[in-house]
């Protein structure tokens, strides 16, 4: 597996987890970019937007444009992936609880 694919799959999981950690399960793309940098995934805003659009296409998030950022909200499908009830191809699998 190539490094770009691994980074994308990990970034997508990181985005879903960051959304799930919020009371309203919502964050904007700038804040998600900061969260990705915590995990040494340093990419420009447009890259983050591309990943968010991909997540929207497969139904894991919804997106709302707000000025120059995108506001992402976790969907039930995205939460089901985090809960390990389903596996979404292209997103890293979360670790088992306690694992």
C-alpha atoms as a PDB file:
ATOM      1  CA  UNK A   1       0.000   0.000   0.000  1.00  0.00           C
ATOM      2  CA  UNK A   2       1.417   3.395  -0.896  1.00  0.00           C
ATOM      3  CA  UNK A   3       2.070   6.145   1.662  1.00  0.00           C
ATOM      4  CA  UNK A   4      -0.408   8.619   0.118  1.00  0.00           C
ATOM      5  CA  UNK A   5      -3.246   6.105   0.472  1.00  0.00           C
ATOM      6  CA  UNK A   6      -2.277   5.333   4.076  1.00  0.00           C
ATOM      7  CA  UNK A   7      -2.190   9.038   4.940  1.00  0.00           C
ATOM      8  CA  UNK A   8      -5.591   9.637   3.334  1.00  0.00           C
ATOM      9  CA  UNK A   9      -7.186   6.682   5.131  1.00  0.00           C
ATOM     10  CA  UNK A  10      -5.726   7.775   8.473  1.00  0.00           C
ATOM     11  CA  UNK A  11      -6.740  11.410   7.896  1.00  0.00           C
ATOM     12  CA  UNK A  12     -10.317  10.342   7.167  1.00  0.00           C
ATOM     13  CA  UNK A  13     -10.491   8.359  10.404  1.00  0.00           C
ATOM     14  CA  UNK A  14      -8.963  11.276  12.322  1.00  0.00           C
ATOM     15  CA  UNK A  15     -11.598  13.615  10.874  1.00  0.00           C
ATOM     16  CA  UNK A  16     -14.453  11.306  11.879  1.00  0.00           C
ATOM     17  CA  UNK A  17     -13.053  10.915  15.401  1.00  0.00           C
ATOM     18  CA  UNK A  18     -12.615  14.690  15.777  1.00  0.00           C
ATOM     19  CA  UNK A  19     -16.240  15.235  14.760  1.00  0.00           C
ATOM     20  CA  UNK A  20     -17.458  12.542  17.165  1.00  0.00           C
ATOM     21  CA  UNK A  21     -15.602  14.251  20.020  1.00  0.00           C
ATOM     22  CA  UNK A  22     -17.668  17.430  19.616  1.00  0.00           C
ATOM     23  CA  UNK A  23     -20.965  17.846  21.473  1.00  0.00           C
ATOM     24  CA  UNK A  24     -22.708  18.758  18.208  1.00  0.00           C
ATOM     25  CA  UNK A  25     -20.480  16.449  16.089  1.00  0.00           C
ATOM     26  CA  UNK A  26     -19.533  19.449  13.915  1.00  0.00           C
ATOM     27  CA  UNK A  27     -16.255  21.255  13.096  1.00  0.00           C
ATOM     28  CA  UNK A  28     -15.054  23.524  10.309  1.00  0.00           C
ATOM     29  CA  UNK A  29     -12.292  22.582   7.890  1.00  0.00           C
ATOM     30  CA  UNK A  30      -9.732  24.933   9.474  1.00  0.00           C
ATOM     31  CA  UNK A  31     -10.176  23.325  12.883  1.00  0.00           C
ATOM     32  CA  UNK A  32     -10.013  19.873  11.287  1.00  0.00           C
ATOM     33  CA  UNK A  33      -6.751  20.923   9.604  1.00  0.00           C
ATOM     34  CA  UNK A  34      -5.326  21.775  13.040  1.00  0.00           C
ATOM     35  CA  UNK A  35      -6.468  18.388  14.335  1.00  0.00           C
ATOM     36  CA  UNK A  36      -4.734  16.613  11.429  1.00  0.00           C
ATOM     37  CA  UNK A  37      -1.501  18.517  12.137  1.00  0.00           C
ATOM     38  CA  UNK A  38      -1.537  17.104  15.685  1.00  0.00           C
ATOM     39  CA  UNK A  39      -1.024  13.731  14.005  1.00  0.00           C
ATOM     40  CA  UNK A  40       1.704  15.018  11.653  1.00  0.00           C
ATOM     41  CA  UNK A  41      -0.652  15.196   8.661  1.00  0.00           C
ATOM     42  CA  UNK A  42       0.234  18.616   7.292  1.00  0.00           C
ATOM     43  CA  UNK A  43      -1.727  19.386   4.161  1.00  0.00           C
ATOM     44  CA  UNK A  44      -3.182  22.577   2.654  1.00  0.00           C
ATOM     45  CA  UNK A  45      -6.810  23.571   3.152  1.00  0.00           C
ATOM     46  CA  UNK A  46      -7.799  22.390  -0.341  1.00  0.00           C
ATOM     47  CA  UNK A  47      -6.504  18.884   0.467  1.00  0.00           C
ATOM     48  CA  UNK A  48      -8.621  18.846   3.638  1.00  0.00           C
ATOM     49  CA  UNK A  49     -11.606  20.038   1.555  1.00  0.00           C
ATOM     50  CA  UNK A  50     -11.018  17.201  -0.944  1.00  0.00           C
ATOM     51  CA  UNK A  51     -11.053  14.643   1.875  1.00  0.00           C
ATOM     52  CA  UNK A  52     -14.212  16.169   3.350  1.00  0.00           C
ATOM     53  CA  UNK A  53     -15.907  16.023  -0.054  1.00  0.00           C
ATOM     54  CA  UNK A  54     -14.882  12.362  -0.371  1.00  0.00           C
ATOM     55  CA  UNK A  55     -16.349  11.643   3.064  1.00  0.00           C
ATOM     56  CA  UNK A  56     -19.563  13.404   2.002  1.00  0.00           C
ATOM     57  CA  UNK A  57     -19.767  11.351  -1.204  1.00  0.00           C
ATOM     58  CA  UNK A  58     -19.690   8.079   0.744  1.00  0.00           C
ATOM     59  CA  UNK A  59     -22.165   9.403   3.320  1.00  0.00           C
ATOM     60  CA  UNK A  60     -19.928   9.675   6.408  1.00  0.00           C
ATOM     61  CA  UNK A  61     -20.355  13.450   6.813  1.00  0.00           C
ATOM     62  CA  UNK A  62     -22.534  16.288   5.629  1.00  0.00           C
ATOM     63  CA  UNK A  63     -20.958  19.565   4.489  1.00  0.00           C
ATOM     64  CA  UNK A  64     -22.122  23.152   4.655  1.00  0.00           C
ATOM     65  CA  UNK A  65     -20.109  25.941   2.989  1.00  0.00           C
ATOM     66  CA  UNK A  66     -19.402  28.893   5.314  1.00  0.00           C
ATOM     67  CA  UNK A  67     -17.277  31.554   3.674  1.00  0.00           C
ATOM     68  CA  UNK A  68     -13.901  30.032   2.826  1.00  0.00           C
ATOM     69  CA  UNK A  69     -14.352  26.961   5.048  1.00  0.00           C
ATOM     70  CA  UNK A  70     -16.527  23.867   4.973  1.00  0.00           C
ATOM     71  CA  UNK A  71     -18.479  22.888   8.073  1.00  0.00           C
ATOM     72  CA  UNK A  72     -18.560  19.108   8.483  1.00  0.00           C
ATOM     73  CA  UNK A  73     -21.038  17.134  10.575  1.00  0.00           C
ATOM     74  CA  UNK A  74     -20.824  13.439  11.382  1.00  0.00           C
ATOM     75  CA  UNK A  75     -23.597  11.244   9.975  1.00  0.00           C
ATOM     76  CA  UNK A  76     -25.013   8.029  11.373  1.00  0.00           C
ATOM     77  CA  UNK A  77     -22.991   6.093   8.781  1.00  0.00           C
ATOM     78  CA  UNK A  78     -19.776   7.807   9.903  1.00  0.00           C
ATOM     79  CA  UNK A  79     -20.567   6.989  13.537  1.00  0.00           C
ATOM     80  CA  UNK A  80     -21.316   3.375  12.634  1.00  0.00           C
ATOM     81  CA  UNK A  81     -17.811   3.125  11.125  1.00  0.00           C
ATOM     82  CA  UNK A  82     -16.315   4.532  14.347  1.00  0.00           C
ATOM     83  CA  UNK A  83     -18.382   2.030  16.364  1.00  0.00           C
ATOM     84  CA  UNK A  84     -17.036  -0.793  14.137  1.00  0.00           C
ATOM     85  CA  UNK A  85     -20.593  -1.751  13.106  1.00  0.00           C
ATOM     86  CA  UNK A  86     -19.647  -1.280   9.447  1.00  0.00           C
ATOM     87  CA  UNK A  87     -16.366  -0.912   7.561  1.00  0.00           C
ATOM     88  CA  UNK A  88     -16.128   1.877   5.007  1.00  0.00           C
ATOM     89  CA  UNK A  89     -13.527   1.128   2.344  1.00  0.00           C
ATOM     90  CA  UNK A  90     -11.023   3.987   2.150  1.00  0.00           C
ATOM     91  CA  UNK A  91     -11.163   4.900   5.851  1.00  0.00           C
ATOM     92  CA  UNK A  92      -8.782   3.313   8.340  1.00  0.00           C
ATOM     93  CA  UNK A  93     -10.547   0.969  10.744  1.00  0.00           C
ATOM     94  CA  UNK A  94     -10.703   2.272  14.299  1.00  0.00           C
ATOM     95  CA  UNK A  95      -9.012   0.222  16.994  1.00  0.00           C
ATOM     96  CA  UNK A  96     -11.168  -1.982  19.152  1.00  0.00           C
ATOM     97  CA  UNK A  97     -12.194  -0.326  22.424  1.00  0.00           C
ATOM     98  CA  UNK A  98      -9.418  -0.891  24.945  1.00  0.00           C
ATOM     99  CA  UNK A  99      -7.127  -2.031  22.122  1.00  0.00           C
END
